[in-house]
Each structure stands twice: as C-alpha cells, then as structure tokens.
Protein backbone atom coordinates (compact mmCIF):
# COMPACT_ATOMS: atom_id res chain seq x y z
CA MET A 1 135.40 86.03 105.54
CA ILE A 2 136.11 85.83 109.80
CA ILE A 3 136.80 88.87 111.25
CA GLU A 4 138.71 88.78 114.07
CA TYR A 5 138.48 90.86 117.64
CA ILE A 6 136.63 92.95 116.47
CA LYS A 7 134.27 95.81 118.37
CA CYS A 8 130.81 96.97 117.48
CA PRO A 9 130.58 100.38 117.75
CA HIS A 10 127.19 100.40 118.71
CA CYS A 11 127.23 98.57 122.28
CA GLU A 12 130.87 98.35 122.44
CA VAL A 13 130.57 94.60 122.43
CA THR A 14 134.00 93.06 120.70
CA HIS A 15 134.09 89.70 119.30
CA GLU A 16 136.48 87.12 118.63
CA SER A 17 135.74 86.52 115.86
CA VAL A 18 132.37 87.20 113.58
CA GLU A 19 131.33 87.00 109.80
CA ALA A 20 131.76 88.93 107.61
CA TYR A 21 131.83 90.27 104.01
CA LYS A 22 132.65 93.45 101.46
CA ASN A 23 130.63 95.66 99.69
CA ASN A 24 131.13 98.31 97.92
CA PHE A 25 129.86 102.05 98.96
CA ALA A 26 127.51 103.38 96.76
CA ASN A 27 129.06 106.90 95.89
CA GLY A 28 132.26 105.27 94.90
CA ASN A 29 134.80 105.62 97.70
CA GLY A 30 135.71 102.04 97.74
CA PHE A 31 134.93 99.16 99.54
CA HIS A 32 134.32 98.06 103.23
CA ILE A 33 133.78 95.44 105.55
CA THR A 34 130.25 94.88 107.14
CA PHE A 35 129.37 92.56 109.47
CA THR A 36 126.39 91.91 112.80
CA CYS A 37 126.90 92.09 116.25
CA ILE A 38 125.87 89.55 117.66
CA ASN A 39 125.29 90.52 120.82
CA CYS A 40 122.86 93.69 119.66
CA GLY A 41 121.99 93.08 116.06
CA ARG A 42 122.65 95.76 114.35
CA LYS A 43 125.28 96.08 110.98
CA SER A 44 128.57 98.18 110.58
CA HIS A 45 129.96 99.40 108.05
CA ILE A 46 133.83 99.37 108.70
CA LYS A 47 136.29 101.05 106.07
CA LYS A 48 139.33 98.78 105.02
CA GLU A 49 141.59 101.17 105.48
CA LEU A 50 140.51 101.58 109.24
CA LEU A 51 141.17 98.19 110.76
CA ASN A 52 143.06 98.05 113.48
CA ALA A 53 145.46 95.95 111.91
CA ASP A 54 147.04 95.33 115.45
CA SER A 55 143.60 93.90 116.28
CA VAL A 56 142.03 92.43 113.83
CA THR A 57 142.36 89.66 112.17
CA VAL A 58 140.83 88.50 108.51
CA LYS A 59 141.01 84.80 107.59
CA PRO A 60 138.54 82.82 104.90
CA THR A 61 135.73 81.20 106.21
CA ILE A 62 136.18 77.83 105.74
CA MET A 63 133.41 76.12 102.77
CA GLY A 64 130.58 74.45 104.52
CA ALA A 65 130.75 75.60 107.92
CA ILE A 66 128.05 76.87 109.54
CA ASN A 67 126.91 79.53 111.72
CA LYS A 68 124.35 79.02 113.95
CA SER A 69 123.94 82.26 115.39
CA ALA A 70 123.58 83.79 112.29
CA ALA A 71 120.28 82.06 111.51
CA ILE A 72 118.14 84.32 109.17
CA THR A 73 114.24 84.12 108.66
CA PHE A 74 113.34 84.75 105.11
CA LEU A 75 109.82 85.80 104.36
CA THR A 76 107.78 86.45 101.36
CA ILE A 77 103.98 87.77 101.06
CA THR A 78 101.01 85.90 99.93
CA ASP A 79 97.77 87.35 99.65
CA GLY A 80 98.45 90.52 101.75
CA ARG A 81 100.22 88.15 104.40
CA ILE A 82 103.59 88.06 105.01
CA CYS A 83 104.39 84.23 104.53
CA ARG A 84 107.15 82.31 107.11
CA ARG A 85 107.51 78.84 106.02
CA VAL A 86 108.51 76.41 108.34
CA SER A 87 109.79 72.91 107.73
CA ALA A 88 107.00 71.16 110.19
CA PRO A 89 103.86 71.49 111.39
CA THR A 90 102.93 74.09 114.34
CA ALA A 91 100.38 75.40 116.31
CA THR A 92 99.64 78.51 113.58
CA SER A 93 100.98 76.75 110.63
CA VAL A 94 98.43 76.28 107.52
CA GLU A 95 99.49 73.30 105.14
CA ARG A 96 99.11 74.02 101.69
CA VAL A 97 100.06 72.26 98.23
CA ASN A 98 101.77 74.68 96.08
CA LYS A 99 102.06 75.05 92.72
CA VAL A 100 104.30 72.20 91.87
CA GLY A 101 102.44 69.22 94.12
CA ASN A 102 104.92 69.43 97.63
CA THR A 103 102.89 69.60 100.68
CA VAL A 104 104.17 73.01 102.62
CA HIS A 105 103.48 74.81 105.80
CA GLU A 106 103.32 78.25 105.74
CA GLU A 107 102.72 80.64 108.93
CA TYR A 108 101.13 83.70 108.13
CA TYR A 109 101.23 87.36 109.81
CA SER A 110 99.70 90.11 109.54
CA GLY A 111 103.20 92.57 109.71
CA TRP A 112 106.26 92.33 111.08
CA GLU A 113 108.36 94.98 112.75
CA GLY A 114 112.49 95.70 113.03
CA THR A 115 115.23 98.24 112.47
CA ILE A 116 115.91 98.25 108.77
CA THR A 117 118.66 97.00 108.01
CA SER A 118 119.82 96.67 104.27
CA ILE A 119 117.22 96.66 101.15
CA THR A 120 118.95 95.06 97.95
CA THR A 121 117.47 93.64 94.94
CA LYS A 122 117.99 90.38 93.54
CA ASP A 123 117.27 87.58 90.41
CA SER A 124 115.66 84.45 91.07
CA ASP A 125 114.15 81.78 88.80
CA TYR A 126 110.86 83.47 89.22
CA GLY A 127 112.09 86.96 88.33
CA LYS A 128 113.68 89.45 89.68
CA ASN A 129 112.87 90.61 93.91
CA TRP A 130 113.02 93.43 96.39
CA GLU A 131 114.95 91.83 99.98
CA ILE A 132 114.60 94.42 102.82
CA THR A 133 116.85 92.58 106.25
CA LEU A 134 114.91 94.02 109.20
CA THR A 135 116.74 92.79 112.54
CA ASP A 136 115.06 93.13 116.29
CA GLY A 137 116.45 91.46 119.26
CA ASP A 138 115.46 87.89 118.60
CA GLY A 139 117.15 87.98 115.02
CA THR A 140 116.73 88.70 111.52
CA ALA A 141 114.50 88.25 108.95
CA VAL A 142 115.05 88.73 105.32
CA LEU A 143 111.64 90.47 103.52
CA SER A 144 111.48 89.31 99.75
CA MET A 145 108.83 91.50 97.53
CA GLY A 146 108.39 91.27 93.72
CA TYR A 147 110.71 93.99 91.92
CA SER A 148 107.31 95.71 90.30
CA SER A 149 104.79 94.99 93.19
CA GLY A 150 102.24 97.43 95.10
CA TYR A 151 103.65 96.21 97.73
CA SER A 152 107.42 97.21 96.67
CA ALA A 153 106.10 100.09 94.95
CA ALA A 154 104.16 101.38 97.95
CA PHE A 155 107.30 100.36 100.58
CA LEU A 156 109.34 102.43 98.25
CA LYS A 157 107.72 105.92 97.55
CA THR A 158 107.73 105.78 101.87
CA LEU A 159 111.14 104.89 102.28
CA PRO A 160 112.58 108.65 101.81
CA ASN A 161 110.14 109.48 105.48
CA ILE A 162 111.51 106.37 107.51
CA ASP A 163 114.18 107.41 109.93
CA LEU A 164 116.74 104.10 109.35
CA SER A 165 118.06 104.37 113.00
CA LYS A 166 114.33 103.42 114.59
CA PRO A 167 112.49 100.01 114.65
CA VAL A 168 109.02 100.13 111.36
CA THR A 169 106.17 97.62 111.48
CA LEU A 170 105.93 96.67 108.22
CA SER A 171 102.34 95.92 107.24
CA PRO A 172 101.21 94.26 103.42
CA LYS A 173 97.64 94.88 102.28
CA LEU A 174 95.70 92.95 99.34
CA GLN A 175 92.28 94.50 98.10
CA THR A 176 90.00 93.97 95.70
CA ILE A 177 88.66 96.39 93.65
CA GLY A 178 85.81 95.70 91.18
CA ASP A 179 87.39 92.95 89.45
CA LYS A 180 90.79 94.20 90.23
CA LYS A 181 93.47 93.32 93.35
CA LYS A 182 95.40 96.01 94.41
CA ALA A 183 98.77 95.71 96.45
CA THR A 184 99.76 97.91 99.16
CA MET A 185 102.33 97.99 102.12
CA PHE A 186 101.63 100.51 105.28
CA VAL A 187 104.49 101.52 106.86
CA ASN A 188 104.04 102.22 110.73
CA GLN A 189 107.33 103.72 113.01
CA GLY A 190 106.89 105.20 116.56
CA GLY A 191 103.11 104.29 116.62
CA ALA A 192 102.68 106.86 113.25
CA ALA A 193 101.58 105.73 109.68
CA LEU A 194 104.80 106.90 107.66
CA LYS A 195 103.20 108.94 104.44
CA TRP A 196 104.61 108.34 101.30
CA TYR A 197 106.80 110.72 99.96
CA TYR A 198 106.31 110.50 95.78
CA THR A 199 102.56 111.45 95.37
CA LYS A 200 100.76 111.51 91.96
CA ASP A 201 100.44 115.56 93.03
CA ASN A 202 103.78 115.80 94.62
CA ARG A 203 106.73 113.67 92.42
CA ASN A 204 109.50 114.70 93.76
CA GLY A 205 111.49 114.15 91.02
CA LEU A 206 110.13 110.22 90.60
CA PRO A 207 109.43 109.34 86.69
CA GLU A 208 106.23 108.72 85.80
CA LEU A 209 105.42 105.21 84.13
CA LYS A 210 105.61 105.16 80.37
CA LYS A 211 102.30 103.93 78.45
CA LEU A 212 104.14 101.31 75.89
CA LYS A 213 101.76 99.46 72.86
CA VAL A 214 103.04 95.48 72.88
CA LYS A 215 101.14 93.47 70.16
CA GLY A 216 98.76 95.55 69.95
CA LYS A 217 97.46 96.01 73.47
CA ASP A 218 98.17 99.18 75.91
CA THR A 219 100.73 98.14 78.63
CA TRP A 220 103.01 100.21 81.18
CA ASP A 221 107.17 100.61 81.42
CA ASP A 222 108.30 100.94 85.43
CA SER A 223 111.54 100.23 84.11
CA ASP A 224 112.22 104.43 85.08
CA MET A 225 110.62 105.00 88.08
CA MET A 226 112.51 101.58 89.55
CA GLU A 227 115.80 102.67 88.34
CA PHE A 228 115.48 106.03 90.15
CA LEU A 229 114.10 104.28 93.47
CA GLU A 230 116.76 102.05 93.22
CA LYS A 231 119.34 104.86 92.77
CA MET A 232 117.14 106.49 95.94
CA VAL A 233 117.87 103.31 97.68
CA ALA A 234 121.64 103.58 97.74
CA GLU A 235 121.85 107.06 98.31
CA LYS A 236 119.18 106.88 101.65
CA PHE A 237 121.57 104.13 102.81
CA ASN A 238 124.71 105.90 101.88
CA GLU A 239 123.63 109.17 103.90
CA GLU A 240 121.60 108.26 106.13
CA ALA A 241 121.97 104.90 108.14
CA PRO A 242 123.71 105.05 111.21
CA PHE A 243 125.13 101.09 111.12
C-alpha cells in the first residue's frame, strides 16, 4: 500500500507518499503500519488507530510499479565472506559458474555495517533462512543466512547484547578445524566485539540440542533451540526496537 503525507518520527521529514505494509505485533496487540523513511532510512511502526485520517491517505499499490528509491541490496554468505551478486563484472567482482551451469559475477566483503531494522525467517526452494535487514546512509541491505547455520546461531546468541538503536558490523568467518569446517559470526558495535548472551556455561534458558538416532546414526536436533530463538527475536524487537 501507499501512505501519503506522513511524517517520519525520527527525522521529522514529511513524505508526500511512501510505500508501507501491514504487520502484526509480536505480542498479539493487533497490527501496525510499517514504512521506511526515504530521507533517513529508518523504519517506523505506527499503530493503525494512530494514523491521522485528516493527514494520511492510504491507497492500493499499483501492480507492476517500481519504486527506485526503495532499492535493496541482497547479500548471502559464501565461505566465510559476505557475497553480493552483480549483474555485470565490476572492478572487484569474481566470475564463477554456479551449480546449474550459469556464469555469475559476485563481490565479496569481510563484513557489512548498518543498523538492524528487522530479522525475519523466509522459506525458499533451498530451505528456510534468516533474513537480517540493515540500513545506513546509503540504503538498505538484506543478509540471508541458513536457518540452522553456524553463522545464524552465533548471531542470534549475540543478539540480546545488541543495541538496536546503534549500527553494528557483522563479520562472518569460516574456520577449518581438522576435517571439519566451523562457521561463526562476529558482531562489533561501538568499536567493541560483543559477546554471546547464550553460552555453554550460562545458557540463559536456551534449550540444549537433542541427540537422536536416524537410520542408525546419531544426529543432533535443534528444533527446540531454534523455536526459543525465534521467540527471543520477536520479543527483542517488540520491547527494544526504536523504530
């Protein structure tokens, strides 16, 4: 939908029109309207009943319309580095042939900085992923990570110690230990590395992995842990998000 003539509560710039969507509050208190300020890039959540009917008009989004100012950079993680796919070669891009035989061009980064404005899960043809939305003065990026990957586990275990009102730097890393690869995510905020809130010695309620036997082989089930972390994410944004 498009909301017209609405003021951003952060920078107080009034927009003639801005794209928005309806979303439910995590605590069940109805739904709210969410929009991203084109001027400062911050996201705002406004209860539907608080919208001033005299100054705000809502109309359906025109199908097929493209809002150029709402461009989003989509990121993934490959071998311990943040990966951004580009449509054509650049001065820093690397060319490779993917699994389906297509030639792609990608840029790699050791980390990405921005203010976290949302964390959601999304199902795809390749499985379930976490999607972290980061905004800065240059725009918005969405970092996708495997749902049960070492990257996402490390990030989520750090999340309670993150101040959502301030920028963070996310730096993935992949280490080879013996014949195994270990993925993790380092989170830096205000010039300091943040520690995990959920640790082996202090779990803070985080459920243990369950050992199961599948077709005669031992495997570890993280269903309870991931369900706990999903609930933690919803509560974190409901209580602390400044937008």
